[in-house]
C-alpha atoms as a PDB file:
ATOM      1  CA  MET A   1     -92.909 -25.975 -27.471  1.00  0.00           C
ATOM      2  CA  LYS A   2     -93.816 -26.490 -31.142  1.00  0.00           C
ATOM      3  CA  VAL A   3     -91.365 -28.303 -33.387  1.00  0.00           C
ATOM      4  CA  GLU A   4     -91.436 -29.149 -37.096  1.00  0.00           C
ATOM      5  CA  LYS A   5     -93.197 -32.483 -36.698  1.00  0.00           C
ATOM      6  CA  GLY A   6     -95.678 -31.429 -34.014  1.00  0.00           C
ATOM      7  CA  ILE A   7     -95.473 -30.803 -30.299  1.00  0.00           C
ATOM      8  CA  ARG A   8     -92.624 -31.672 -27.946  1.00  0.00           C
ATOM      9  CA  ILE A   9     -92.897 -31.475 -24.164  1.00  0.00           C
ATOM     10  CA  ASN A  10     -90.617 -32.340 -21.293  1.00  0.00           C
ATOM     11  CA  THR A  11     -92.297 -34.155 -18.439  1.00  0.00           C
ATOM     12  CA  LYS A  12     -91.408 -36.810 -15.908  1.00  0.00           C
ATOM     13  CA  LEU A  13     -92.708 -40.229 -15.051  1.00  0.00           C
ATOM     14  CA  ARG A  14     -95.198 -40.381 -12.191  1.00  0.00           C
ATOM     15  CA  ALA A  15     -95.812 -43.260  -9.803  1.00  0.00           C
ATOM     16  CA  LEU A  16     -99.167 -44.954 -10.365  1.00  0.00           C
ATOM     17  CA  GLY A  17     -99.440 -47.925  -8.018  1.00  0.00           C
ATOM     18  CA  ASN A  18     -96.684 -50.353  -9.010  1.00  0.00           C
ATOM     19  CA  SER A  19     -96.474 -48.801 -12.473  1.00  0.00           C
ATOM     20  CA  ARG A  20     -95.381 -45.477 -13.932  1.00  0.00           C
ATOM     21  CA  ALA A  21     -97.441 -42.998 -15.925  1.00  0.00           C
ATOM     22  CA  ILE A  22     -96.497 -40.245 -18.356  1.00  0.00           C
ATOM     23  CA  PRO A  23     -98.805 -37.245 -17.953  1.00  0.00           C
ATOM     24  CA  LEU A  24     -99.867 -35.826 -21.323  1.00  0.00           C
ATOM     25  CA  THR A  25    -101.110 -32.266 -21.719  1.00  0.00           C
ATOM     26  CA  ARG A  26    -104.350 -31.434 -23.483  1.00  0.00           C
ATOM     27  CA  ASP A  27    -102.343 -30.012 -26.414  1.00  0.00           C
ATOM     28  CA  VAL A  28    -100.441 -33.274 -26.828  1.00  0.00           C
ATOM     29  CA  MET A  29    -103.631 -35.332 -26.607  1.00  0.00           C
ATOM     30  CA  GLN A  30    -105.325 -33.164 -29.229  1.00  0.00           C
ATOM     31  CA  ALA A  31    -102.299 -33.185 -31.553  1.00  0.00           C
ATOM     32  CA  ALA A  32    -102.170 -36.999 -31.348  1.00  0.00           C
ATOM     33  CA  GLY A  33    -105.927 -37.334 -31.762  1.00  0.00           C
ATOM     34  CA  PHE A  34    -106.228 -39.270 -28.500  1.00  0.00           C
ATOM     35  CA  ASP A  35    -109.282 -39.249 -26.263  1.00  0.00           C
ATOM     36  CA  PRO A  36    -109.248 -39.957 -22.514  1.00  0.00           C
ATOM     37  CA  ASP A  37    -109.242 -43.735 -21.933  1.00  0.00           C
ATOM     38  CA  GLN A  38    -108.146 -44.250 -25.571  1.00  0.00           C
ATOM     39  CA  PRO A  39    -106.725 -47.762 -26.107  1.00  0.00           C
ATOM     40  CA  VAL A  40    -103.123 -47.411 -27.300  1.00  0.00           C
ATOM     41  CA  THR A  41    -100.323 -49.604 -28.559  1.00  0.00           C
ATOM     42  CA  ILE A  42     -96.879 -48.935 -27.085  1.00  0.00           C
ATOM     43  CA  GLU A  43     -93.814 -50.097 -28.981  1.00  0.00           C
ATOM     44  CA  VAL A  44     -90.334 -49.907 -27.447  1.00  0.00           C
ATOM     45  CA  SER A  45     -87.394 -49.787 -29.832  1.00  0.00           C
ATOM     46  CA  ASP A  46     -83.846 -48.480 -29.421  1.00  0.00           C
ATOM     47  CA  GLY A  47     -84.663 -46.812 -26.101  1.00  0.00           C
ATOM     48  CA  GLU A  48     -87.703 -44.972 -27.484  1.00  0.00           C
ATOM     49  CA  LEU A  49     -91.421 -45.363 -26.844  1.00  0.00           C
ATOM     50  CA  HIS A  50     -93.840 -45.085 -29.751  1.00  0.00           C
ATOM     51  CA  VAL A  51     -97.497 -44.689 -28.819  1.00  0.00           C
ATOM     52  CA  THR A  52    -100.240 -45.155 -31.421  1.00  0.00           C
ATOM     53  CA  LYS A  53    -103.976 -45.691 -31.279  1.00  0.00           C
ATOM     54  CA  ALA A  54    -104.596 -49.385 -30.750  1.00  0.00           C
ATOM     55  CA  ASP A  55    -106.928 -49.526 -33.721  1.00  0.00           C
ATOM     56  CA  SER A  56    -104.680 -47.560 -36.060  1.00  0.00           C
ATOM     57  CA  VAL A  57    -103.580 -48.816 -39.453  1.00  0.00           C
ATOM     58  CA  TYR A  58     -99.958 -48.422 -38.311  1.00  0.00           C
ATOM     59  CA  ALA A  59    -100.463 -50.666 -35.273  1.00  0.00           C
ATOM     60  CA  ARG A  60    -102.198 -53.339 -37.360  1.00  0.00           C
ATOM     61  CA  GLY A  61     -99.486 -53.155 -40.017  1.00  0.00           C
ATOM     62  CA  MET A  62     -96.709 -53.480 -37.443  1.00  0.00           C
ATOM     63  CA  GLU A  63     -98.379 -56.518 -35.886  1.00  0.00           C
ATOM     64  CA  ILE A  64     -98.747 -58.186 -39.293  1.00  0.00           C
ATOM     65  CA  GLY A  65     -95.125 -57.361 -40.104  1.00  0.00           C
ATOM     66  CA  LYS A  66     -93.879 -58.915 -36.864  1.00  0.00           C
ATOM     67  CA  ARG A  67     -95.870 -62.100 -37.500  1.00  0.00           C
ATOM     68  CA  LEU A  68     -94.481 -62.328 -41.041  1.00  0.00           C
ATOM     69  CA  GLU A  69     -90.959 -61.680 -39.806  1.00  0.00           C
ATOM     70  CA  SER A  70     -91.094 -64.513 -37.283  1.00  0.00           C
ATOM     71  CA  ARG A  71     -92.889 -66.919 -39.622  1.00  0.00           C
ATOM     72  CA  TYR A  72     -90.630 -66.322 -42.634  1.00  0.00           C
ATOM     73  CA  ALA A  73     -87.332 -65.440 -40.912  1.00  0.00           C
ATOM     74  CA  GLN A  74     -85.321 -68.022 -42.865  1.00  0.00           C
ATOM     75  CA  THR A  75     -86.886 -66.972 -46.168  1.00  0.00           C
ATOM     76  CA  PHE A  76     -86.073 -63.318 -45.520  1.00  0.00           C
ATOM     77  CA  LYS A  77     -82.461 -64.238 -44.657  1.00  0.00           C
ATOM     78  CA  ARG A  78     -82.085 -66.135 -47.943  1.00  0.00           C
ATOM     79  CA  LEU A  79     -83.660 -63.312 -49.932  1.00  0.00           C
ATOM     80  CA  ALA A  80     -81.311 -60.784 -48.328  1.00  0.00           C
ATOM     81  CA  LYS A  81     -78.228 -62.574 -49.691  1.00  0.00           C
END
Protein backbone atom coordinates (compact mmCIF):
# COMPACT_ATOMS: atom_id res chain seq x y z
CA MET A 1 0.00 0.00 0.00
CA LYS A 2 1.49 3.37 -0.99
CA VAL A 3 1.24 6.26 1.45
CA GLU A 4 2.35 9.89 1.24
CA LYS A 5 5.83 9.31 2.63
CA GLY A 6 6.56 6.04 0.83
CA ILE A 7 5.50 2.45 1.29
CA ARG A 8 3.71 0.92 4.26
CA ILE A 9 3.27 -2.82 4.75
CA ASN A 10 1.82 -4.99 7.46
CA THR A 11 3.89 -8.04 8.32
CA LYS A 12 4.70 -10.09 11.38
CA LEU A 13 7.84 -11.00 13.23
CA ARG A 14 9.37 -14.36 12.34
CA ALA A 15 11.44 -16.62 14.56
CA LEU A 16 15.10 -16.77 13.52
CA GLY A 17 16.99 -18.91 16.03
CA ASN A 18 16.76 -17.12 19.38
CA SER A 19 16.02 -13.82 17.64
CA ARG A 20 13.18 -12.37 15.59
CA ALA A 21 13.26 -11.11 12.02
CA ILE A 22 11.04 -8.71 10.09
CA PRO A 23 10.63 -9.86 6.49
CA LEU A 24 10.89 -6.95 4.05
CA THR A 25 9.43 -7.11 0.55
CA ARG A 26 11.45 -6.24 -2.53
CA ASP A 27 9.43 -3.02 -2.90
CA VAL A 28 10.31 -1.94 0.63
CA MET A 29 13.98 -2.78 0.13
CA GLN A 30 14.09 -0.80 -3.11
CA ALA A 31 12.22 2.18 -1.64
CA ALA A 32 14.68 2.28 1.29
CA GLY A 33 17.68 1.79 -0.98
CA PHE A 34 18.78 -1.30 0.94
CA ASP A 35 20.68 -4.21 -0.57
CA PRO A 36 20.64 -7.78 0.77
CA ASP A 37 23.11 -8.08 3.67
CA GLN A 38 23.15 -4.26 3.98
CA PRO A 39 24.56 -3.16 7.36
CA VAL A 40 21.87 -1.16 9.18
CA THR A 41 21.49 0.88 12.32
CA ILE A 42 18.35 0.24 14.37
CA GLU A 43 17.16 2.89 16.80
CA VAL A 44 14.31 2.23 19.23
CA SER A 45 12.41 5.24 20.53
CA ASP A 46 8.90 5.61 21.95
CA GLY A 47 7.92 2.09 20.90
CA GLU A 48 9.07 2.57 17.30
CA LEU A 49 11.94 1.08 15.32
CA HIS A 50 13.89 3.29 12.94
CA VAL A 51 16.15 1.48 10.49
CA THR A 52 18.80 3.37 8.50
CA LYS A 53 21.85 2.37 6.52
CA ALA A 54 24.73 1.96 8.94
CA ASP A 55 26.91 4.28 6.91
CA SER A 56 24.26 6.96 6.42
CA VAL A 57 24.76 10.59 7.33
CA TYR A 58 21.72 10.33 9.62
CA ALA A 59 23.20 7.42 11.59
CA ARG A 60 26.54 9.21 11.99
CA GLY A 61 24.80 12.42 13.04
CA MET A 62 22.67 10.62 15.61
CA GLU A 63 25.73 8.92 17.10
CA ILE A 64 27.57 12.24 17.36
CA GLY A 65 24.50 13.84 18.92
CA LYS A 66 24.21 11.11 21.55
CA ARG A 67 27.89 11.47 22.47
CA LEU A 68 27.51 15.24 22.78
CA GLU A 69 24.36 14.85 24.84
CA SER A 70 26.03 12.57 27.37
CA ARG A 71 29.27 14.57 27.48
CA TYR A 72 27.63 17.99 27.86
CA ALA A 73 24.41 17.06 29.70
CA GLN A 74 24.96 19.61 32.48
CA THR A 75 25.82 22.36 30.00
CA PHE A 76 22.68 21.68 27.98
CA LYS A 77 20.57 21.77 31.17
CA ARG A 78 22.01 25.17 32.10
CA LEU A 79 21.51 26.53 28.60
CA ALA A 80 17.89 25.37 28.60
CA LYS A 81 17.04 27.55 31.61
